[in-house]
Amino acid sequence: MRPLDDLTHRDAGWSGLRALVTGLGVTGFAASDALLQHGAQVTVLDPGNATEKQETQAGILGILGADVRRGPEHVAAWPQDARGPLEVDVVVTSPGWPPTHPVLAAALERGIPVWSEIELAWRLRPRVGAAPWLVVTGTNGKTSTVQLLTSMLQAAGLRAIATGNVGTPVLDAVQHPDPYDLVAVELSSFQLHFTHSMSPLASCVLNLAPDHVDWHGSLEAYAADKARIYERTQVACVYNVQDPQTEAMVEQAEVVEGCRAVGFTLGTPGLSMLGLVDDVLADRAFVEERRTSAAELGTLADLAQASGGDGTTAPAPHLVANALAAAALARAAGITPAAVREGMRRFRSDAHRMSVVGESDGVTWVDDSKATNPHAALAALRSYPDIVWVAGGQLKGAEVEELVAEVAPRLRAVVLLGTDRGRIAEALARHAPEVPVHDAGVTDHGDMAALDRVMDDVVARCAERARPGDVVLLSPAAASLDMFPSYGSRGDTFAAAVRRRLGEARP
């Protein structure tokens, strides 16, 4: 097996490297293509339930020289060739493959290094002049924070890009012929698990709550993988003052000498923190006289239009927290307060994250389908005083007791759908027995006509219960794949049903 210590940049000796790539999705194709470009010998394994696009990509990789093996028989155990077990120098894996997968477990047993595509991308940067990375993880808020950060960097006149789990694949970004000045990278715990040498300019864990326990095996293992983002950080490890677990991660990290811990808080910032002073986002970390003064980075009004409203409503607390985290990372990279403010003003939240999809008769309808776990749903539910809540789906092993207990006083009514709706109903019966609950059931994945009918029923039940001043909030606290192709599809189906309902309601 070949040593890999010298493969630290794109001009190293990649030729002849024997690489096994697991999965033929976006990650697998990008990794295989990059390795082939650099002269590696590539074998690709995939269970074979591919889309038409993946069928095409498999053909392309075959033409380029990859050995593409598709079908469940190829992923049940370590692959073989005519001489016996396949000889491999490194495995590059897709995020959906847990460490317990038979192929990955076999690689680890054989002492074969396993890399994420993030590890591969880090090692494929140019030898000289590589763009620094600003990296973000957390249970919730990663995408918004990375997009806010990118907006701030671009407002400073830099060529910057959002990448990782959002925007451009990171392998494409690091190999772009027109180099970037800075790269903002959203990282999942899956990606961090097999990332070993990344050394970011600045890093951040936004928050930590139970999620993906089924993949990691325990909450402790999930947290440990999140904490890996701080390792080898060069300038600033950014943590959430209101989430002590993130500060503990920084304290335990092995960082580059001189790296600082920088907190962000929705309260008044202390020394080496960013926070709020009245309606001002203030920096007491990256100013010379931080013991006695702070820099103004912007105001809540600068964020007011980010979620698609008319700009008169104060931004949700989670969005403010994300903006402060993004600002801390930007300031670590030397971005001016003026550019941070301008980046916040330009920013608009993605669809499906607290997006207003309709208003009628004093009732506001909000799509927060991206809230795929209880922690994300809590951020949305805390933002409104009177709510008709639409929830349910796949809880992925997460608990909902604390969520339901906290938000019970805000609930006008609840409409439940999806596989694990019964667990939410049980929690409601214990903590909010007086709140009306409607069970909309579950529909087979992919039957879009049936899904439209279910969502029409959901919206009709919500309309019956909502009163002027209420918010009807789709914030499921659960994943969508039991019924929908994605959380985006779930949100789109909800929004379409709302538009149908409001269209009928108009004179």
Protein backbone atom coordinates (compact mmCIF):
# COMPACT_ATOMS: atom_id res chain seq x y z
CA MET A 1 0.00 0.00 0.00
CA ARG A 2 1.42 3.34 -1.06
CA PRO A 3 2.22 6.08 1.53
CA LEU A 4 0.05 9.18 1.12
CA ASP A 5 2.00 11.73 3.17
CA ASP A 6 3.39 13.44 0.06
CA LEU A 7 -0.05 13.99 -1.51
CA THR A 8 -0.53 17.48 -0.04
CA HIS A 9 -1.14 19.50 -3.22
CA ARG A 10 -2.32 19.02 -6.78
CA ASP A 11 1.20 18.87 -8.27
CA ALA A 12 2.26 15.94 -6.09
CA GLY A 13 2.70 12.42 -7.45
CA TRP A 14 -0.92 11.34 -7.86
CA SER A 15 -0.23 9.26 -10.98
CA GLY A 16 -0.85 5.58 -10.41
CA LEU A 17 -2.58 6.04 -7.05
CA ARG A 18 -5.08 3.21 -6.61
CA ALA A 19 -8.30 4.83 -5.39
CA LEU A 20 -11.66 3.29 -4.53
CA VAL A 21 -14.57 5.76 -4.67
CA THR A 22 -17.82 4.82 -2.94
CA GLY A 23 -21.04 6.22 -4.37
CA LEU A 24 -21.95 7.72 -7.72
CA GLY A 25 -23.78 10.85 -6.58
CA VAL A 26 -22.50 14.42 -6.84
CA THR A 27 -19.62 13.67 -4.47
CA GLY A 28 -18.59 10.39 -6.05
CA PHE A 29 -18.58 11.72 -9.58
CA ALA A 30 -16.59 14.83 -8.63
CA ALA A 31 -14.03 12.80 -6.67
CA SER A 32 -13.63 10.19 -9.42
CA ASP A 33 -13.27 12.84 -12.12
CA ALA A 34 -10.66 14.76 -10.11
CA LEU A 35 -8.62 11.64 -9.36
CA LEU A 36 -8.70 10.53 -13.00
CA GLN A 37 -7.54 13.99 -14.11
CA HIS A 38 -4.48 13.57 -11.91
CA GLY A 39 -3.59 10.13 -13.22
CA ALA A 40 -5.02 7.92 -10.49
CA GLN A 41 -6.44 4.43 -11.10
CA VAL A 42 -10.07 4.66 -10.01
CA THR A 43 -12.62 1.99 -9.11
CA VAL A 44 -16.16 3.22 -8.35
CA LEU A 45 -18.71 1.25 -6.33
CA ASP A 46 -22.40 2.10 -6.32
CA PRO A 47 -25.51 0.18 -5.20
CA GLY A 48 -27.01 0.79 -8.64
CA ASN A 49 -30.27 2.63 -7.89
CA ALA A 50 -29.07 5.58 -9.95
CA THR A 51 -30.89 8.45 -11.58
CA GLU A 52 -30.68 9.08 -15.32
CA LYS A 53 -28.02 11.71 -14.65
CA GLN A 54 -25.95 9.21 -12.68
CA GLU A 55 -26.30 6.68 -15.49
CA THR A 56 -24.75 9.27 -17.81
CA GLN A 57 -22.01 10.07 -15.31
CA ALA A 58 -21.15 6.38 -14.95
CA GLY A 59 -20.71 6.22 -18.71
CA ILE A 60 -18.45 9.27 -18.70
CA LEU A 61 -16.26 7.83 -15.95
CA GLY A 62 -16.00 4.55 -17.85
CA ILE A 63 -14.82 6.40 -20.95
CA LEU A 64 -12.23 8.25 -18.84
CA GLY A 65 -10.84 4.94 -17.63
CA ALA A 66 -12.59 4.24 -14.33
CA ASP A 67 -13.72 0.73 -13.39
CA VAL A 68 -17.37 1.41 -12.51
CA ARG A 69 -19.10 -1.41 -10.62
CA ARG A 70 -22.82 -0.93 -10.06
CA GLY A 71 -25.30 -3.11 -8.23
CA PRO A 72 -25.95 -4.27 -4.66
CA GLU A 73 -23.53 -7.19 -5.02
CA HIS A 74 -20.65 -4.71 -5.39
CA VAL A 75 -21.27 -2.91 -2.10
CA ALA A 76 -22.01 -5.88 0.17
CA ALA A 77 -18.35 -6.57 1.01
CA TRP A 78 -14.81 -5.62 0.06
CA PRO A 79 -14.47 -5.76 -3.76
CA GLN A 80 -12.55 -8.48 -5.55
CA ASP A 81 -10.66 -8.75 -8.81
CA ALA A 82 -9.10 -11.70 -10.66
CA ARG A 83 -6.21 -11.83 -8.17
CA GLY A 84 -8.39 -11.70 -5.06
CA PRO A 85 -9.25 -8.75 -2.79
CA LEU A 86 -8.86 -5.44 -4.65
CA GLU A 87 -5.57 -3.68 -3.90
CA VAL A 88 -6.28 -0.08 -2.92
CA ASP A 89 -4.18 2.81 -1.56
CA VAL A 90 -7.06 5.03 -0.44
CA VAL A 91 -10.86 5.07 -0.26
CA VAL A 92 -12.72 8.31 -1.02
CA THR A 93 -16.25 8.06 0.33
CA SER A 94 -19.52 9.88 -0.09
CA PRO A 95 -21.21 11.47 2.95
CA GLY A 96 -24.14 9.07 2.93
CA TRP A 97 -21.94 6.04 3.62
CA PRO A 98 -21.54 5.52 7.41
CA PRO A 99 -18.32 4.10 8.86
CA THR A 100 -20.19 0.87 9.59
CA HIS A 101 -20.90 0.23 5.90
CA PRO A 102 -19.36 -3.15 4.97
CA VAL A 103 -17.00 -1.63 2.39
CA LEU A 104 -15.74 1.14 4.68
CA ALA A 105 -15.51 -1.17 7.69
CA ALA A 106 -13.42 -3.57 5.59
CA ALA A 107 -11.12 -0.74 4.47
CA LEU A 108 -10.55 0.36 8.05
CA GLU A 109 -9.86 -3.22 9.14
CA ARG A 110 -7.24 -3.49 6.38
CA GLY A 111 -5.59 -0.24 7.48
CA ILE A 112 -6.54 1.54 4.25
CA PRO A 113 -7.01 5.32 4.73
CA VAL A 114 -10.54 6.59 4.15
CA TRP A 115 -10.96 10.21 2.98
CA SER A 116 -13.99 12.41 2.60
CA GLU A 117 -14.22 14.50 -0.56
CA ILE A 118 -13.26 17.43 1.70
CA GLU A 119 -9.96 15.72 2.55
CA LEU A 120 -9.36 15.06 -1.14
CA ALA A 121 -10.19 18.66 -2.04
CA TRP A 122 -7.82 20.01 0.62
CA ARG A 123 -5.02 17.86 -0.81
CA LEU A 124 -5.78 18.97 -4.39
CA ARG A 125 -5.28 22.67 -3.74
CA PRO A 126 -2.38 24.33 -5.59
CA ARG A 127 1.06 24.17 -4.00
CA VAL A 128 1.32 27.99 -3.97
CA GLY A 129 -1.41 30.61 -3.61
CA ALA A 130 -4.25 28.34 -2.49
CA ALA A 131 -7.36 30.22 -1.32
CA PRO A 132 -7.81 30.10 2.47
CA TRP A 133 -10.87 28.26 3.76
CA LEU A 134 -13.47 29.63 6.18
CA VAL A 135 -15.45 26.62 7.40
CA VAL A 136 -18.80 26.22 9.16
CA THR A 137 -20.64 23.33 10.77
CA GLY A 138 -23.42 22.90 13.34
CA THR A 139 -26.73 21.13 13.67
CA ASN A 140 -28.62 24.06 12.16
CA GLY A 141 -27.96 27.30 10.32
CA LYS A 142 -24.94 26.18 8.28
CA THR A 143 -26.26 27.14 4.87
CA SER A 144 -27.50 30.59 5.88
CA THR A 145 -24.24 31.33 7.68
CA VAL A 146 -22.08 30.30 4.72
CA GLN A 147 -24.25 32.33 2.33
CA LEU A 148 -24.11 35.35 4.64
CA LEU A 149 -20.35 34.97 4.87
CA THR A 150 -19.99 34.72 1.10
CA SER A 151 -22.11 37.85 0.68
CA MET A 152 -19.81 39.72 3.08
CA LEU A 153 -16.67 38.55 1.28
CA GLN A 154 -18.07 39.52 -2.10
CA ALA A 155 -19.15 42.90 -0.75
CA ALA A 156 -15.47 43.44 0.10
CA GLY A 157 -14.65 42.99 -3.57
CA LEU A 158 -13.16 39.52 -3.17
CA ARG A 159 -13.66 36.61 -5.52
CA ALA A 160 -15.33 34.23 -3.07
CA ILE A 161 -17.68 31.26 -3.33
CA ALA A 162 -20.04 29.24 -1.13
CA THR A 163 -19.16 25.58 -1.37
CA GLY A 164 -19.28 22.23 0.40
CA ASN A 165 -22.87 21.27 1.17
CA VAL A 166 -24.10 24.49 -0.44
CA GLY A 167 -23.47 25.86 -3.92
CA THR A 168 -20.48 24.57 -5.89
CA PRO A 169 -18.89 21.22 -4.94
CA VAL A 170 -15.67 21.94 -3.07
CA LEU A 171 -13.62 19.84 -5.48
CA ASP A 172 -14.79 22.03 -8.35
CA ALA A 173 -14.02 25.19 -6.38
CA VAL A 174 -10.42 24.28 -5.55
CA GLN A 175 -9.69 23.27 -9.14
CA HIS A 176 -11.34 26.26 -10.84
CA PRO A 177 -9.07 27.75 -13.52
CA ASP A 178 -9.76 31.26 -12.20
CA PRO A 179 -8.62 30.97 -8.56
CA TYR A 180 -10.74 32.29 -5.69
CA ASP A 181 -9.49 34.69 -3.03
CA LEU A 182 -11.41 32.92 -0.25
CA VAL A 183 -13.63 29.85 -0.01
CA ALA A 184 -16.58 29.57 2.41
CA VAL A 185 -17.25 25.88 3.13
CA GLU A 186 -20.33 24.30 4.72
CA LEU A 187 -19.40 20.98 6.31
CA SER A 188 -21.57 18.21 7.69
CA SER A 189 -20.58 15.82 10.47
CA PHE A 190 -20.51 13.08 7.81
CA GLN A 191 -17.84 14.94 5.85
CA LEU A 192 -15.82 15.85 8.93
CA HIS A 193 -15.66 12.23 10.11
CA PHE A 194 -13.19 11.30 7.36
CA THR A 195 -11.37 14.65 7.11
CA HIS A 196 -7.86 14.48 8.56
CA SER A 197 -5.54 17.30 7.42
CA MET A 198 -7.68 20.40 6.68
CA SER A 199 -6.24 23.57 8.24
CA PRO A 200 -8.78 26.40 7.83
CA LEU A 201 -8.10 30.09 8.29
CA ALA A 202 -11.12 30.26 10.61
CA SER A 203 -13.72 27.73 11.74
CA CYS A 204 -17.09 27.71 13.47
CA VAL A 205 -19.51 25.31 15.17
CA LEU A 206 -22.83 27.17 15.28
CA ASN A 207 -24.68 24.89 17.72
CA LEU A 208 -25.08 21.28 18.72
CA ALA A 209 -28.29 19.27 19.20
CA PRO A 210 -29.15 15.59 18.70
CA ASP A 211 -29.18 14.70 14.99
CA HIS A 212 -27.96 11.87 12.75
CA VAL A 213 -27.49 9.62 15.77
CA ASP A 214 -28.36 6.69 13.52
CA TRP A 215 -25.30 7.45 11.31
CA HIS A 216 -22.82 8.23 14.09
CA GLY A 217 -24.02 5.69 16.66
CA SER A 218 -24.25 8.12 19.57
CA LEU A 219 -24.59 11.82 20.37
CA GLU A 220 -21.03 11.78 21.73
CA ALA A 221 -19.66 10.49 18.42
CA TYR A 222 -21.71 13.09 16.52
CA ALA A 223 -20.31 15.88 18.70
CA ALA A 224 -16.77 14.57 18.32
CA ASP A 225 -17.05 14.71 14.55
CA LYS A 226 -18.41 18.26 14.67
CA ALA A 227 -15.48 19.26 16.91
CA ARG A 228 -12.98 18.10 14.27
CA ILE A 229 -13.61 21.34 12.37
CA TYR A 230 -11.54 23.29 14.90
CA GLU A 231 -8.42 21.15 14.50
CA ARG A 232 -5.44 22.98 12.93
CA THR A 233 -7.36 26.28 12.65
CA GLN A 234 -4.99 29.17 12.00
CA VAL A 235 -6.59 32.48 13.05
CA ALA A 236 -9.93 32.11 14.89
CA CYS A 237 -12.14 29.36 16.30
CA VAL A 238 -15.63 30.86 16.45
CA TYR A 239 -18.04 29.42 19.03
CA ASN A 240 -21.59 30.05 20.26
CA VAL A 241 -21.58 31.66 23.72
CA GLN A 242 -25.14 30.39 24.29
CA ASP A 243 -24.07 26.80 23.53
CA PRO A 244 -21.28 25.90 26.00
CA GLN A 245 -20.59 22.65 24.16
CA THR A 246 -19.09 24.63 21.28
CA GLU A 247 -16.73 26.54 23.58
CA ALA A 248 -15.60 23.27 25.16
CA MET A 249 -14.78 21.99 21.66
CA VAL A 250 -12.51 24.99 21.08
CA GLU A 251 -10.76 24.49 24.42
CA GLN A 252 -9.95 20.89 23.51
CA ALA A 253 -8.84 21.52 19.91
CA GLU A 254 -5.24 21.33 18.70
CA VAL A 255 -4.89 24.59 16.78
CA VAL A 256 -2.08 26.56 15.14
CA GLU A 257 -0.13 28.66 17.64
CA GLY A 258 -1.68 32.12 17.94
CA CYS A 259 -5.20 31.04 16.97
CA ARG A 260 -7.87 32.79 19.06
CA ALA A 261 -11.23 31.76 20.50
CA VAL A 262 -13.95 34.20 19.41
CA GLY A 263 -17.52 33.98 20.70
CA PHE A 264 -20.80 35.22 19.25
CA THR A 265 -23.86 35.95 21.35
CA LEU A 266 -27.34 37.46 21.10
CA GLY A 267 -26.51 39.29 24.32
CA THR A 268 -24.05 42.09 25.00
CA PRO A 269 -20.62 40.97 23.79
CA GLY A 270 -17.78 40.47 26.24
CA LEU A 271 -14.12 40.69 25.39
CA SER A 272 -13.22 38.75 22.20
CA MET A 273 -16.89 38.38 21.26
CA LEU A 274 -19.39 39.66 18.73
CA GLY A 275 -22.92 40.39 19.94
CA LEU A 276 -25.84 42.77 20.16
CA VAL A 277 -25.93 46.21 21.77
CA ASP A 278 -29.56 47.28 21.46
CA ASP A 279 -30.17 46.83 17.71
CA VAL A 280 -26.49 47.04 16.71
CA LEU A 281 -24.28 44.07 15.79
CA ALA A 282 -21.04 44.90 17.58
CA ASP A 283 -17.50 43.51 17.34
CA ARG A 284 -15.29 43.38 20.45
CA ALA A 285 -12.93 40.77 19.02
CA PHE A 286 -11.26 42.26 15.94
CA VAL A 287 -10.67 45.86 17.04
CA GLU A 288 -7.45 47.18 18.55
CA GLU A 289 -9.07 48.69 21.64
CA ARG A 290 -11.45 45.82 22.28
CA ARG A 291 -11.22 46.18 26.06
CA THR A 292 -12.86 49.59 25.92
CA SER A 293 -14.60 49.85 22.54
CA ALA A 294 -16.40 47.96 19.78
CA ALA A 295 -16.90 48.27 16.02
CA GLU A 296 -20.43 48.61 14.62
CA LEU A 297 -20.97 45.94 11.97
CA GLY A 298 -24.58 46.73 11.12
CA THR A 299 -28.04 46.82 12.62
CA LEU A 300 -31.02 44.50 12.81
CA ALA A 301 -32.60 46.60 10.08
CA ASP A 302 -29.80 45.53 7.74
CA LEU A 303 -31.09 41.94 8.09
CA ALA A 304 -34.79 42.73 8.12
CA GLN A 305 -35.53 41.76 4.49
CA ALA A 306 -33.42 38.62 4.47
CA SER A 307 -36.28 36.14 4.99
CA GLY A 308 -38.50 37.53 2.26
CA GLY A 309 -40.69 39.85 4.29
CA ASP A 310 -41.28 43.55 3.71
CA GLY A 311 -38.37 44.62 5.90
CA THR A 312 -40.53 45.97 8.73
CA THR A 313 -40.40 42.84 10.91
CA ALA A 314 -37.35 42.19 13.08
CA PRO A 315 -35.21 39.29 11.84
CA ALA A 316 -35.60 35.98 13.63
CA PRO A 317 -33.08 35.37 16.44
CA HIS A 318 -31.47 32.41 14.67
CA LEU A 319 -30.79 34.60 11.62
CA VAL A 320 -29.14 37.24 13.82
CA ALA A 321 -26.98 34.55 15.41
CA ASN A 322 -25.97 33.28 11.97
CA ALA A 323 -25.09 36.80 10.87
CA LEU A 324 -22.89 37.29 13.92
CA ALA A 325 -21.11 33.98 13.28
CA ALA A 326 -20.57 34.89 9.63
CA ALA A 327 -19.31 38.31 10.64
CA ALA A 328 -16.80 36.76 13.05
CA LEU A 329 -15.41 34.55 10.27
CA ALA A 330 -15.30 37.46 7.85
CA ARG A 331 -13.51 39.69 10.37
CA ALA A 332 -10.99 36.89 11.00
CA ALA A 333 -10.22 37.13 7.28
CA GLY A 334 -9.69 40.89 7.52
CA ILE A 335 -13.04 42.04 6.10
CA THR A 336 -13.99 45.60 7.05
CA PRO A 337 -17.10 46.50 9.08
CA ALA A 338 -18.51 48.34 6.05
CA ALA A 339 -18.30 45.21 3.89
CA VAL A 340 -19.90 43.11 6.64
CA ARG A 341 -22.84 45.55 6.77
CA GLU A 342 -23.20 45.62 3.00
CA GLY A 343 -23.10 41.81 2.86
CA MET A 344 -25.97 41.61 5.35
CA ARG A 345 -28.00 44.10 3.34
CA ARG A 346 -27.56 42.09 0.14
CA PHE A 347 -28.35 38.72 1.68
CA ARG A 348 -31.63 36.88 1.10
CA SER A 349 -32.49 33.61 2.85
CA ASP A 350 -32.97 30.47 0.81
CA ALA A 351 -36.40 29.11 0.11
CA HIS A 352 -37.82 26.74 2.75
CA ARG A 353 -36.17 28.48 5.69
CA MET A 354 -38.83 30.64 7.38
CA SER A 355 -40.02 31.90 3.99
CA VAL A 356 -43.36 33.69 3.86
CA VAL A 357 -45.45 32.01 1.14
CA GLY A 358 -48.77 33.81 1.64
CA GLU A 359 -50.83 36.18 3.76
CA SER A 360 -54.61 36.44 3.93
CA ASP A 361 -57.18 37.63 6.49
CA GLY A 362 -54.44 38.42 8.99
CA VAL A 363 -52.91 34.93 8.83
CA THR A 364 -49.31 34.47 7.63
CA TRP A 365 -48.24 31.18 6.05
CA VAL A 366 -44.57 30.28 6.49
CA ASP A 367 -42.53 27.50 4.84
CA ASP A 368 -39.75 26.25 7.14
CA SER A 369 -39.46 22.82 5.55
CA LYS A 370 -35.69 22.92 5.97
CA ALA A 371 -36.23 22.38 9.72
CA THR A 372 -35.48 18.67 9.50
CA ASN A 373 -34.75 18.17 13.22
CA PRO A 374 -36.26 19.42 16.50
CA HIS A 375 -33.49 21.95 17.13
CA ALA A 376 -34.12 23.68 13.81
CA ALA A 377 -37.88 23.68 14.38
CA LEU A 378 -37.41 25.23 17.82
CA ALA A 379 -35.64 28.23 16.29
CA ALA A 380 -38.67 28.89 14.08
CA LEU A 381 -41.31 28.18 16.72
CA ARG A 382 -39.65 30.61 19.12
CA SER A 383 -40.08 33.37 16.54
CA TYR A 384 -43.89 33.60 16.67
CA PRO A 385 -46.33 33.92 19.59
CA ASP A 386 -49.40 32.17 18.09
CA ILE A 387 -48.88 29.23 15.77
CA VAL A 388 -50.78 26.59 13.88
CA TRP A 389 -47.96 24.08 13.54
CA VAL A 390 -47.49 21.57 10.70
CA ALA A 391 -45.02 18.89 11.79
CA GLY A 392 -43.89 15.32 11.23
CA GLY A 393 -41.79 13.07 9.03
CA GLN A 394 -38.72 10.99 9.91
CA LEU A 395 -37.29 11.91 13.31
CA LYS A 396 -34.02 9.98 12.71
CA GLY A 397 -33.86 8.93 16.35
CA ALA A 398 -34.26 12.48 17.71
CA GLU A 399 -36.41 13.23 20.75
CA VAL A 400 -39.24 15.79 20.65
CA GLU A 401 -40.23 16.00 24.33
CA GLU A 402 -38.27 19.15 25.14
CA LEU A 403 -39.33 20.85 21.92
CA VAL A 404 -43.05 20.23 22.51
CA ALA A 405 -42.85 21.18 26.18
CA GLU A 406 -41.22 24.52 25.40
CA VAL A 407 -43.49 25.59 22.53
CA ALA A 408 -46.80 24.30 23.92
CA PRO A 409 -47.96 27.77 25.09
CA ARG A 410 -47.56 29.11 21.54
CA LEU A 411 -49.67 26.48 19.80
CA ARG A 412 -53.18 27.22 18.51
CA ALA A 413 -53.43 23.81 16.81
CA VAL A 414 -51.18 21.14 15.28
CA VAL A 415 -51.49 19.17 12.04
CA LEU A 416 -49.28 16.07 11.83
CA LEU A 417 -48.13 13.99 8.90
CA GLY A 418 -45.41 11.46 8.15
CA THR A 419 -44.01 8.23 9.56
CA ASP A 420 -43.11 9.44 13.05
CA ARG A 421 -46.13 11.71 13.60
CA GLY A 422 -47.31 9.40 16.40
CA ARG A 423 -44.32 10.26 18.57
CA ILE A 424 -45.06 13.98 18.23
CA ALA A 425 -48.72 13.31 19.00
CA GLU A 426 -47.74 11.46 22.18
CA ALA A 427 -45.57 14.38 23.30
CA LEU A 428 -48.40 16.81 22.58
CA ALA A 429 -50.80 14.70 24.63
CA ARG A 430 -48.43 14.94 27.59
CA HIS A 431 -47.38 18.59 27.33
CA ALA A 432 -50.22 20.32 25.45
CA PRO A 433 -53.35 18.20 25.96
CA GLU A 434 -55.69 21.13 25.28
CA VAL A 435 -54.23 21.83 21.81
CA PRO A 436 -56.30 20.38 18.93
CA VAL A 437 -54.34 17.87 16.84
CA HIS A 438 -55.24 16.61 13.36
CA ASP A 439 -53.59 13.50 11.90
CA ALA A 440 -53.13 13.92 8.14
CA GLY A 441 -51.52 10.49 7.77
CA VAL A 442 -48.66 9.35 5.56
CA THR A 443 -48.49 8.86 1.81
CA ASP A 444 -46.14 6.67 -0.21
CA HIS A 445 -43.00 8.42 -1.36
CA GLY A 446 -43.17 9.71 -4.92
CA ASP A 447 -46.95 9.71 -5.49
CA MET A 448 -47.11 13.46 -6.10
CA ALA A 449 -50.84 13.54 -6.85
CA ALA A 450 -51.55 11.87 -3.50
CA LEU A 451 -49.08 14.20 -1.77
CA ASP A 452 -50.90 17.20 -3.22
CA ARG A 453 -54.18 15.87 -1.81
CA VAL A 454 -52.64 15.29 1.63
CA MET A 455 -51.15 18.79 1.69
CA ASP A 456 -54.45 20.32 0.55
CA ASP A 457 -56.02 18.61 3.57
CA VAL A 458 -53.23 19.90 5.82
CA VAL A 459 -53.73 23.46 4.63
CA ALA A 460 -57.54 23.22 4.94
CA ARG A 461 -57.27 22.03 8.56
CA CYS A 462 -54.82 24.84 9.32
CA ALA A 463 -57.14 27.42 7.79
CA GLU A 464 -59.99 26.17 9.97
CA ARG A 465 -57.96 26.75 13.15
CA ALA A 466 -55.99 29.90 12.32
CA ARG A 467 -57.11 33.31 13.61
CA PRO A 468 -56.03 36.82 12.57
CA GLY A 469 -52.53 37.40 13.87
CA ASP A 470 -51.61 33.69 13.77
CA VAL A 471 -48.80 32.11 11.77
CA VAL A 472 -49.34 28.78 10.04
CA LEU A 473 -45.87 27.29 10.22
CA LEU A 474 -44.59 24.26 8.34
CA SER A 475 -41.58 23.44 10.52
CA PRO A 476 -41.60 19.65 10.55
CA ALA A 477 -38.79 18.89 13.06
CA ALA A 478 -38.20 15.80 10.91
CA ALA A 479 -36.72 14.67 7.63
CA SER A 480 -38.91 14.40 4.54
CA LEU A 481 -37.84 11.23 2.75
CA ASP A 482 -40.65 9.06 4.11
CA MET A 483 -43.03 10.97 1.83
CA PHE A 484 -41.18 13.52 -0.31
CA PRO A 485 -38.08 13.45 -2.54
CA SER A 486 -36.53 16.23 -0.42
CA TYR A 487 -37.35 18.90 2.13
CA GLY A 488 -37.51 21.31 -0.82
CA SER A 489 -40.22 19.24 -2.47
CA ARG A 490 -42.12 19.16 0.83
CA GLY A 491 -41.93 22.94 1.09
CA ASP A 492 -42.92 23.45 -2.54
CA THR A 493 -45.94 21.17 -2.10
CA PHE A 494 -47.00 23.11 0.99
CA ALA A 495 -46.56 26.47 -0.76
CA ALA A 496 -48.57 25.30 -3.77
CA ALA A 497 -51.39 24.11 -1.51
CA VAL A 498 -51.38 27.46 0.30
CA ARG A 499 -51.59 29.33 -2.99
CA ARG A 500 -54.50 27.14 -4.09
CA ARG A 501 -56.28 27.79 -0.79
CA LEU A 502 -55.69 31.54 -0.81
CA GLY A 503 -56.73 31.76 -4.44
CA GLU A 504 -60.05 30.14 -3.52
CA ALA A 505 -60.45 32.51 -0.57
CA ARG A 506 -60.13 35.65 -2.67
CA PRO A 507 -63.38 37.25 -3.93
